[in-house]
Amino acid sequence: MPTDPSAAPTSEDTLAIERAQRLTDVVTRLRRALRSSIRTEYPWESLPMAQVELLQTLAAAPLRVGELAARQRLAPNTVSGLVGKLLDAGFVDRQADPGDRRTARIGLTEAGHQQLTDWREAHERRLAGALDTLSAADQAAVMAALPALDRLARALTGPSGP
């Protein structure tokens, strides 16, 4: 990409933009297809993705709302609202923070762990079924792309990412 915004894009820049647009389109369609197919096949799955992502983040360890907001790259008030819904559903609870009695950490309850397990297993079944419809060559290509996609995700979420 040109460093000078007024500079004309080169053919290399244009190719990079086209690749990024294609990847964005495919990833967006894949997420949308997975989300809608799960809700069609598993109607009990009604958690918004933002709440699922909070549960996934909390699966490792309880966190303060501010820490959770930073990890999710969301505003603390947005995370507070999401946490409130998860508290009401019984998927998380407030736990005393041993390092600071004035604050609480948010942790998964047993119901939260179970909801996350059910969600993950439903997605794994759906993806496994979809992968089975692909040719062996396409299955191998998808699996071969995973390490690079993982590095791309890390590049986007790492300290030097956007």
N, C-alpha and C. Protein backbone atom coordinates (compact mmCIF):
# COMPACT_ATOMS: atom_id res chain seq x y z
N MET A 1 0.84 -1.19 0.00
CA MET A 1 0.00 0.00 0.00
C MET A 1 0.88 1.25 0.00
N PRO A 2 0.44 2.27 -0.71
CA PRO A 2 1.26 3.48 -0.70
C PRO A 2 1.22 4.15 0.67
N THR A 3 2.36 4.69 1.06
CA THR A 3 2.41 5.40 2.34
C THR A 3 1.87 6.81 2.18
N ASP A 4 1.93 7.36 0.98
CA ASP A 4 1.40 8.69 0.70
C ASP A 4 -0.03 8.52 0.17
N PRO A 5 -1.05 8.98 0.92
CA PRO A 5 -2.43 8.77 0.50
C PRO A 5 -2.76 9.42 -0.84
N SER A 6 -1.99 10.44 -1.25
CA SER A 6 -2.27 11.10 -2.52
C SER A 6 -1.58 10.40 -3.70
N ALA A 7 -0.71 9.42 -3.40
CA ALA A 7 -0.01 8.70 -4.47
C ALA A 7 -0.97 7.75 -5.17
N ALA A 8 -0.79 7.61 -6.47
CA ALA A 8 -1.62 6.70 -7.25
C ALA A 8 -1.29 5.26 -6.87
N PRO A 9 -2.32 4.42 -6.74
CA PRO A 9 -2.05 3.02 -6.40
C PRO A 9 -1.33 2.30 -7.53
N THR A 10 -0.42 1.42 -7.17
CA THR A 10 0.31 0.63 -8.15
C THR A 10 -0.49 -0.65 -8.43
N SER A 11 -0.05 -1.40 -9.44
CA SER A 11 -0.74 -2.66 -9.75
C SER A 11 -0.60 -3.63 -8.57
N GLU A 12 0.51 -3.53 -7.84
CA GLU A 12 0.71 -4.36 -6.65
C GLU A 12 -0.31 -3.99 -5.57
N ASP A 13 -0.54 -2.69 -5.40
CA ASP A 13 -1.54 -2.22 -4.43
C ASP A 13 -2.93 -2.72 -4.83
N THR A 14 -3.24 -2.62 -6.10
CA THR A 14 -4.54 -3.04 -6.59
C THR A 14 -4.74 -4.53 -6.36
N LEU A 15 -3.72 -5.33 -6.61
CA LEU A 15 -3.81 -6.77 -6.38
C LEU A 15 -4.02 -7.07 -4.90
N ALA A 16 -3.31 -6.36 -4.02
CA ALA A 16 -3.46 -6.57 -2.59
C ALA A 16 -4.88 -6.22 -2.14
N ILE A 17 -5.43 -5.15 -2.68
CA ILE A 17 -6.80 -4.75 -2.33
C ILE A 17 -7.80 -5.78 -2.83
N GLU A 18 -7.61 -6.26 -4.05
CA GLU A 18 -8.51 -7.28 -4.59
C GLU A 18 -8.47 -8.56 -3.76
N ARG A 19 -7.29 -8.97 -3.33
CA ARG A 19 -7.16 -10.15 -2.47
C ARG A 19 -7.88 -9.93 -1.15
N ALA A 20 -7.68 -8.76 -0.57
CA ALA A 20 -8.32 -8.45 0.71
C ALA A 20 -9.84 -8.43 0.55
N GLN A 21 -10.34 -7.88 -0.54
CA GLN A 21 -11.78 -7.85 -0.77
C GLN A 21 -12.34 -9.27 -0.93
N ARG A 22 -11.63 -10.12 -1.65
CA ARG A 22 -12.07 -11.50 -1.86
C ARG A 22 -12.08 -12.26 -0.53
N LEU A 23 -11.03 -12.10 0.25
CA LEU A 23 -10.96 -12.77 1.55
C LEU A 23 -12.07 -12.26 2.47
N THR A 24 -12.29 -10.97 2.49
CA THR A 24 -13.36 -10.39 3.31
C THR A 24 -14.70 -10.97 2.91
N ASP A 25 -14.96 -11.06 1.62
CA ASP A 25 -16.23 -11.60 1.13
C ASP A 25 -16.41 -13.06 1.57
N VAL A 26 -15.39 -13.87 1.38
CA VAL A 26 -15.50 -15.28 1.72
C VAL A 26 -15.67 -15.48 3.23
N VAL A 27 -14.88 -14.78 4.03
CA VAL A 27 -14.98 -14.92 5.49
C VAL A 27 -16.36 -14.46 5.97
N THR A 28 -16.85 -13.36 5.43
CA THR A 28 -18.17 -12.86 5.82
C THR A 28 -19.26 -13.86 5.46
N ARG A 29 -19.22 -14.40 4.24
CA ARG A 29 -20.22 -15.39 3.83
C ARG A 29 -20.13 -16.66 4.65
N LEU A 30 -18.92 -17.09 4.97
CA LEU A 30 -18.73 -18.29 5.78
C LEU A 30 -19.32 -18.10 7.18
N ARG A 31 -19.03 -16.98 7.81
CA ARG A 31 -19.58 -16.70 9.16
C ARG A 31 -21.09 -16.63 9.11
N ARG A 32 -21.63 -15.93 8.11
CA ARG A 32 -23.08 -15.79 8.00
C ARG A 32 -23.74 -17.15 7.76
N ALA A 33 -23.15 -17.95 6.86
CA ALA A 33 -23.71 -19.28 6.56
C ALA A 33 -23.66 -20.18 7.79
N LEU A 34 -22.58 -20.15 8.51
CA LEU A 34 -22.46 -20.99 9.70
C LEU A 34 -23.46 -20.55 10.76
N ARG A 35 -23.54 -19.25 10.98
CA ARG A 35 -24.46 -18.73 12.00
C ARG A 35 -25.91 -19.07 11.65
N SER A 36 -26.30 -18.86 10.39
CA SER A 36 -27.70 -19.11 10.03
C SER A 36 -28.00 -20.60 9.97
N SER A 37 -27.06 -21.42 9.53
CA SER A 37 -27.32 -22.86 9.46
C SER A 37 -27.44 -23.46 10.85
N ILE A 38 -26.66 -22.97 11.79
CA ILE A 38 -26.74 -23.48 13.16
C ILE A 38 -28.11 -23.13 13.74
N ARG A 39 -28.56 -21.92 13.51
CA ARG A 39 -29.85 -21.52 14.09
C ARG A 39 -31.01 -22.24 13.42
N THR A 40 -30.85 -22.66 12.17
CA THR A 40 -31.88 -23.42 11.49
C THR A 40 -31.91 -24.85 12.01
N GLU A 41 -30.73 -25.45 12.13
CA GLU A 41 -30.65 -26.84 12.55
C GLU A 41 -30.73 -27.01 14.06
N TYR A 42 -30.31 -26.01 14.80
CA TYR A 42 -30.29 -26.06 16.26
C TYR A 42 -30.98 -24.81 16.78
N PRO A 43 -32.33 -24.81 16.78
CA PRO A 43 -33.04 -23.58 17.14
C PRO A 43 -32.79 -23.10 18.56
N TRP A 44 -32.29 -23.96 19.44
CA TRP A 44 -31.98 -23.53 20.80
C TRP A 44 -30.83 -22.54 20.81
N GLU A 45 -30.05 -22.50 19.75
CA GLU A 45 -28.89 -21.60 19.70
C GLU A 45 -29.37 -20.20 19.36
N SER A 46 -29.50 -19.37 20.37
CA SER A 46 -30.01 -18.03 20.13
C SER A 46 -29.08 -16.94 20.67
N LEU A 47 -27.96 -17.31 21.23
CA LEU A 47 -27.05 -16.30 21.76
C LEU A 47 -26.45 -15.48 20.61
N PRO A 48 -26.47 -14.17 20.74
CA PRO A 48 -25.77 -13.35 19.76
C PRO A 48 -24.27 -13.66 19.78
N MET A 49 -23.62 -13.51 18.64
CA MET A 49 -22.21 -13.84 18.53
C MET A 49 -21.36 -13.07 19.54
N ALA A 50 -21.71 -11.83 19.82
CA ALA A 50 -20.93 -11.04 20.78
C ALA A 50 -20.94 -11.71 22.16
N GLN A 51 -22.08 -12.29 22.55
CA GLN A 51 -22.14 -12.98 23.83
C GLN A 51 -21.34 -14.28 23.81
N VAL A 52 -21.42 -14.99 22.70
CA VAL A 52 -20.64 -16.23 22.56
C VAL A 52 -19.15 -15.91 22.67
N GLU A 53 -18.72 -14.84 22.01
CA GLU A 53 -17.31 -14.47 22.05
C GLU A 53 -16.87 -14.10 23.48
N LEU A 54 -17.75 -13.49 24.24
CA LEU A 54 -17.42 -13.21 25.64
C LEU A 54 -17.27 -14.51 26.42
N LEU A 55 -18.19 -15.45 26.20
CA LEU A 55 -18.08 -16.74 26.88
C LEU A 55 -16.78 -17.43 26.51
N GLN A 56 -16.41 -17.38 25.24
CA GLN A 56 -15.16 -18.00 24.80
C GLN A 56 -13.97 -17.36 25.50
N THR A 57 -13.98 -16.05 25.63
CA THR A 57 -12.87 -15.35 26.28
C THR A 57 -12.81 -15.71 27.76
N LEU A 58 -13.97 -15.83 28.39
CA LEU A 58 -14.02 -16.14 29.82
C LEU A 58 -13.74 -17.60 30.12
N ALA A 59 -13.73 -18.45 29.12
CA ALA A 59 -13.49 -19.89 29.34
C ALA A 59 -12.11 -20.13 29.93
N ALA A 60 -11.15 -19.29 29.62
CA ALA A 60 -9.78 -19.46 30.12
C ALA A 60 -9.68 -19.08 31.59
N ALA A 61 -10.29 -17.94 31.95
CA ALA A 61 -10.20 -17.47 33.33
C ALA A 61 -11.14 -16.28 33.52
N PRO A 62 -11.61 -16.06 34.74
CA PRO A 62 -12.44 -14.88 35.01
C PRO A 62 -11.65 -13.59 34.76
N LEU A 63 -12.37 -12.57 34.32
CA LEU A 63 -11.75 -11.28 34.02
C LEU A 63 -12.62 -10.15 34.53
N ARG A 64 -11.99 -9.00 34.78
CA ARG A 64 -12.74 -7.78 35.08
C ARG A 64 -13.37 -7.29 33.78
N VAL A 65 -14.43 -6.51 33.91
CA VAL A 65 -15.12 -5.99 32.72
C VAL A 65 -14.15 -5.20 31.85
N GLY A 66 -13.29 -4.39 32.45
CA GLY A 66 -12.33 -3.61 31.68
C GLY A 66 -11.36 -4.50 30.90
N GLU A 67 -10.90 -5.57 31.53
CA GLU A 67 -10.00 -6.51 30.85
C GLU A 67 -10.72 -7.21 29.71
N LEU A 68 -11.95 -7.58 29.96
CA LEU A 68 -12.77 -8.24 28.94
C LEU A 68 -13.01 -7.29 27.76
N ALA A 69 -13.29 -6.05 28.06
CA ALA A 69 -13.50 -5.04 27.00
C ALA A 69 -12.23 -4.87 26.17
N ALA A 70 -11.08 -4.81 26.83
CA ALA A 70 -9.82 -4.64 26.10
C ALA A 70 -9.55 -5.84 25.20
N ARG A 71 -9.78 -7.04 25.71
CA ARG A 71 -9.53 -8.24 24.90
C ARG A 71 -10.48 -8.35 23.72
N GLN A 72 -11.72 -7.89 23.91
CA GLN A 72 -12.71 -7.97 22.84
C GLN A 72 -12.68 -6.74 21.94
N ARG A 73 -11.89 -5.74 22.36
CA ARG A 73 -11.81 -4.47 21.64
C ARG A 73 -13.19 -3.81 21.52
N LEU A 74 -13.86 -3.78 22.66
CA LEU A 74 -15.18 -3.17 22.76
C LEU A 74 -15.16 -2.13 23.87
N ALA A 75 -16.11 -1.23 23.83
CA ALA A 75 -16.23 -0.23 24.91
C ALA A 75 -16.69 -0.93 26.18
N PRO A 76 -16.16 -0.51 27.33
CA PRO A 76 -16.57 -1.13 28.60
C PRO A 76 -18.08 -1.12 28.83
N ASN A 77 -18.76 -0.05 28.42
CA ASN A 77 -20.22 -0.03 28.63
C ASN A 77 -20.93 -1.05 27.74
N THR A 78 -20.39 -1.33 26.56
CA THR A 78 -20.94 -2.37 25.69
C THR A 78 -20.77 -3.73 26.36
N VAL A 79 -19.58 -3.98 26.89
CA VAL A 79 -19.31 -5.25 27.56
C VAL A 79 -20.18 -5.37 28.81
N SER A 80 -20.37 -4.29 29.54
CA SER A 80 -21.24 -4.33 30.72
C SER A 80 -22.65 -4.76 30.35
N GLY A 81 -23.15 -4.25 29.25
CA GLY A 81 -24.49 -4.64 28.78
C GLY A 81 -24.56 -6.11 28.40
N LEU A 82 -23.53 -6.58 27.69
CA LEU A 82 -23.48 -8.00 27.31
C LEU A 82 -23.37 -8.88 28.55
N VAL A 83 -22.53 -8.47 29.49
CA VAL A 83 -22.35 -9.24 30.73
C VAL A 83 -23.68 -9.29 31.49
N GLY A 84 -24.41 -8.18 31.51
CA GLY A 84 -25.71 -8.16 32.19
C GLY A 84 -26.66 -9.20 31.63
N LYS A 85 -26.68 -9.34 30.31
CA LYS A 85 -27.54 -10.35 29.67
C LYS A 85 -27.07 -11.76 30.02
N LEU A 86 -25.75 -11.96 30.05
CA LEU A 86 -25.21 -13.27 30.40
C LEU A 86 -25.46 -13.60 31.88
N LEU A 87 -25.41 -12.56 32.74
CA LEU A 87 -25.75 -12.76 34.16
C LEU A 87 -27.21 -13.19 34.29
N ASP A 88 -28.10 -12.48 33.58
CA ASP A 88 -29.53 -12.80 33.63
C ASP A 88 -29.80 -14.23 33.15
N ALA A 89 -29.03 -14.68 32.14
CA ALA A 89 -29.20 -16.03 31.60
C ALA A 89 -28.57 -17.09 32.49
N GLY A 90 -27.76 -16.65 33.47
CA GLY A 90 -27.10 -17.60 34.37
C GLY A 90 -25.83 -18.21 33.80
N PHE A 91 -25.29 -17.62 32.74
CA PHE A 91 -24.08 -18.16 32.11
C PHE A 91 -22.79 -17.63 32.73
N VAL A 92 -22.87 -16.50 33.42
CA VAL A 92 -21.71 -15.94 34.11
C VAL A 92 -22.15 -15.49 35.49
N ASP A 93 -21.16 -15.29 36.35
CA ASP A 93 -21.43 -14.72 37.67
C ASP A 93 -20.31 -13.75 38.02
N ARG A 94 -20.58 -12.96 39.04
CA ARG A 94 -19.56 -12.04 39.55
C ARG A 94 -18.81 -12.75 40.66
N GLN A 95 -17.49 -12.63 40.61
CA GLN A 95 -16.64 -13.27 41.61
C GLN A 95 -15.75 -12.21 42.24
N ALA A 96 -15.46 -12.39 43.49
CA ALA A 96 -14.57 -11.45 44.17
C ALA A 96 -13.21 -11.45 43.49
N ASP A 97 -12.66 -10.26 43.35
CA ASP A 97 -11.32 -10.13 42.78
C ASP A 97 -10.34 -10.13 43.93
N PRO A 98 -9.50 -11.18 44.03
CA PRO A 98 -8.58 -11.24 45.17
C PRO A 98 -7.57 -10.10 45.20
N GLY A 99 -7.32 -9.47 44.07
CA GLY A 99 -6.35 -8.38 44.03
C GLY A 99 -6.93 -7.02 44.33
N ASP A 100 -8.27 -6.88 44.26
CA ASP A 100 -8.89 -5.58 44.46
C ASP A 100 -10.33 -5.81 44.93
N ARG A 101 -10.60 -5.60 46.19
CA ARG A 101 -11.92 -5.87 46.75
C ARG A 101 -13.00 -4.94 46.18
N ARG A 102 -12.59 -3.83 45.57
CA ARG A 102 -13.57 -2.89 45.02
C ARG A 102 -14.14 -3.35 43.70
N THR A 103 -13.49 -4.30 43.05
CA THR A 103 -13.95 -4.75 41.75
C THR A 103 -14.29 -6.23 41.79
N ALA A 104 -14.98 -6.65 40.76
CA ALA A 104 -15.35 -8.07 40.64
C ALA A 104 -14.85 -8.58 39.29
N ARG A 105 -14.63 -9.86 39.27
CA ARG A 105 -14.30 -10.51 38.02
C ARG A 105 -15.54 -11.27 37.55
N ILE A 106 -15.64 -11.40 36.25
CA ILE A 106 -16.75 -12.13 35.64
C ILE A 106 -16.22 -13.50 35.26
N GLY A 107 -16.92 -14.53 35.69
CA GLY A 107 -16.49 -15.90 35.40
C GLY A 107 -17.65 -16.73 34.88
N LEU A 108 -17.33 -17.78 34.16
CA LEU A 108 -18.36 -18.68 33.64
C LEU A 108 -18.94 -19.52 34.77
N THR A 109 -20.24 -19.72 34.72
CA THR A 109 -20.89 -20.67 35.62
C THR A 109 -20.86 -22.03 34.94
N GLU A 110 -21.32 -23.04 35.64
CA GLU A 110 -21.42 -24.37 35.02
C GLU A 110 -22.33 -24.31 33.81
N ALA A 111 -23.43 -23.55 33.91
CA ALA A 111 -24.35 -23.40 32.78
C ALA A 111 -23.65 -22.71 31.61
N GLY A 112 -22.79 -21.74 31.90
CA GLY A 112 -22.03 -21.06 30.85
C GLY A 112 -21.06 -21.99 30.15
N HIS A 113 -20.37 -22.81 30.95
CA HIS A 113 -19.46 -23.80 30.36
C HIS A 113 -20.24 -24.77 29.47
N GLN A 114 -21.41 -25.20 29.95
CA GLN A 114 -22.21 -26.14 29.17
C GLN A 114 -22.73 -25.49 27.89
N GLN A 115 -23.18 -24.25 27.98
CA GLN A 115 -23.67 -23.53 26.80
C GLN A 115 -22.55 -23.40 25.77
N LEU A 116 -21.36 -23.07 26.24
CA LEU A 116 -20.23 -22.93 25.33
C LEU A 116 -19.86 -24.27 24.70
N THR A 117 -19.88 -25.34 25.49
CA THR A 117 -19.60 -26.67 24.96
C THR A 117 -20.64 -27.07 23.93
N ASP A 118 -21.92 -26.85 24.24
CA ASP A 118 -22.99 -27.17 23.29
C ASP A 118 -22.83 -26.38 22.00
N TRP A 119 -22.52 -25.09 22.12
CA TRP A 119 -22.34 -24.22 20.96
C TRP A 119 -21.19 -24.73 20.10
N ARG A 120 -20.05 -25.01 20.74
CA ARG A 120 -18.87 -25.48 20.01
C ARG A 120 -19.15 -26.81 19.31
N GLU A 121 -19.78 -27.75 20.02
CA GLU A 121 -20.06 -29.06 19.43
C GLU A 121 -21.04 -28.96 18.26
N ALA A 122 -22.04 -28.09 18.38
CA ALA A 122 -22.99 -27.89 17.27
C ALA A 122 -22.27 -27.35 16.05
N HIS A 123 -21.38 -26.39 16.26
CA HIS A 123 -20.62 -25.83 15.14
C HIS A 123 -19.67 -26.87 14.55
N GLU A 124 -19.04 -27.65 15.39
CA GLU A 124 -18.13 -28.68 14.88
C GLU A 124 -18.88 -29.71 14.06
N ARG A 125 -20.07 -30.12 14.52
CA ARG A 125 -20.87 -31.07 13.74
C ARG A 125 -21.27 -30.47 12.40
N ARG A 126 -21.70 -29.22 12.42
CA ARG A 126 -22.13 -28.55 11.18
C ARG A 126 -20.96 -28.41 10.21
N LEU A 127 -19.82 -27.98 10.71
CA LEU A 127 -18.65 -27.84 9.84
C LEU A 127 -18.17 -29.19 9.32
N ALA A 128 -18.17 -30.20 10.18
CA ALA A 128 -17.74 -31.53 9.75
C ALA A 128 -18.65 -32.04 8.63
N GLY A 129 -19.95 -31.84 8.79
CA GLY A 129 -20.89 -32.26 7.75
C GLY A 129 -20.66 -31.52 6.45
N ALA A 130 -20.41 -30.22 6.53
CA ALA A 130 -20.17 -29.43 5.32
C ALA A 130 -18.85 -29.83 4.67
N LEU A 131 -17.82 -30.06 5.48
CA LEU A 131 -16.53 -30.49 4.92
C LEU A 131 -16.66 -31.83 4.20
N ASP A 132 -17.50 -32.71 4.73
CA ASP A 132 -17.71 -34.01 4.09
C ASP A 132 -18.32 -33.91 2.70
N THR A 133 -18.97 -32.78 2.40
CA THR A 133 -19.56 -32.62 1.07
C THR A 133 -18.52 -32.18 0.04
N LEU A 134 -17.36 -31.75 0.51
CA LEU A 134 -16.31 -31.29 -0.39
C LEU A 134 -15.48 -32.46 -0.91
N SER A 135 -14.85 -32.23 -2.04
CA SER A 135 -13.94 -33.25 -2.57
C SER A 135 -12.74 -33.38 -1.63
N ALA A 136 -12.04 -34.48 -1.76
CA ALA A 136 -10.85 -34.70 -0.94
C ALA A 136 -9.84 -33.58 -1.16
N ALA A 137 -9.71 -33.14 -2.40
CA ALA A 137 -8.76 -32.06 -2.71
C ALA A 137 -9.17 -30.75 -2.03
N ASP A 138 -10.48 -30.44 -2.06
CA ASP A 138 -10.94 -29.21 -1.40
C ASP A 138 -10.79 -29.32 0.12
N GLN A 139 -11.07 -30.50 0.68
CA GLN A 139 -10.87 -30.69 2.11
C GLN A 139 -9.40 -30.46 2.48
N ALA A 140 -8.51 -31.02 1.68
CA ALA A 140 -7.07 -30.85 1.95
C ALA A 140 -6.68 -29.38 1.82
N ALA A 141 -7.24 -28.69 0.84
CA ALA A 141 -6.91 -27.27 0.64
C ALA A 141 -7.38 -26.43 1.83
N VAL A 142 -8.59 -26.72 2.32
CA VAL A 142 -9.10 -25.99 3.48
C VAL A 142 -8.19 -26.23 4.68
N MET A 143 -7.85 -27.48 4.93
CA MET A 143 -7.01 -27.80 6.08
C MET A 143 -5.61 -27.22 5.93
N ALA A 144 -5.09 -27.22 4.71
CA ALA A 144 -3.75 -26.66 4.48
C ALA A 144 -3.74 -25.14 4.69
N ALA A 145 -4.88 -24.49 4.49
CA ALA A 145 -4.96 -23.03 4.66
C ALA A 145 -5.05 -22.62 6.12
N LEU A 146 -5.41 -23.53 7.01
CA LEU A 146 -5.63 -23.16 8.41
C LEU A 146 -4.42 -22.52 9.09
N PRO A 147 -3.21 -23.04 8.95
CA PRO A 147 -2.08 -22.37 9.62
C PRO A 147 -1.89 -20.91 9.15
N ALA A 148 -2.06 -20.68 7.86
CA ALA A 148 -1.91 -19.32 7.35
C ALA A 148 -3.05 -18.43 7.84
N LEU A 149 -4.27 -18.96 7.89
CA LEU A 149 -5.40 -18.19 8.39
C LEU A 149 -5.22 -17.87 9.88
N ASP A 150 -4.66 -18.82 10.62
CA ASP A 150 -4.37 -18.57 12.03
C ASP A 150 -3.35 -17.45 12.18
N ARG A 151 -2.31 -17.46 11.37
CA ARG A 151 -1.30 -16.39 11.43
C ARG A 151 -1.92 -15.05 11.03
N LEU A 152 -2.84 -15.07 10.04
CA LEU A 152 -3.52 -13.85 9.64
C LEU A 152 -4.37 -13.31 10.79
N ALA A 153 -5.09 -14.19 11.47
CA ALA A 153 -5.89 -13.76 12.62
C ALA A 153 -5.02 -13.15 13.71
N ARG A 154 -3.87 -13.78 13.95
CA ARG A 154 -2.94 -13.26 14.95
C ARG A 154 -2.39 -11.89 14.53
N ALA A 155 -2.10 -11.74 13.25
CA ALA A 155 -1.60 -10.45 12.75
C ALA A 155 -2.63 -9.35 12.93
N LEU A 156 -3.91 -9.70 12.77
CA LEU A 156 -4.96 -8.71 12.90
C LEU A 156 -5.25 -8.37 14.36
N THR A 157 -5.00 -9.30 15.27
CA THR A 157 -5.31 -9.05 16.68
C THR A 157 -4.10 -8.77 17.53
N GLY A 158 -2.92 -8.91 16.96
CA GLY A 158 -1.69 -8.68 17.72
C GLY A 158 -1.46 -7.21 18.00
N PRO A 159 -0.40 -6.92 18.74
CA PRO A 159 -0.11 -5.54 19.14
C PRO A 159 0.09 -4.60 17.96
N SER A 160 0.55 -5.13 16.82
CA SER A 160 0.76 -4.25 15.67
C SER A 160 -0.45 -4.25 14.75
N GLY A 161 -1.50 -5.03 15.09
CA GLY A 161 -2.72 -5.08 14.26
C GLY A 161 -3.51 -3.81 14.38
N PRO A 162 -4.57 -3.71 13.56
CA PRO A 162 -5.40 -2.49 13.57
C PRO A 162 -6.12 -2.30 14.87
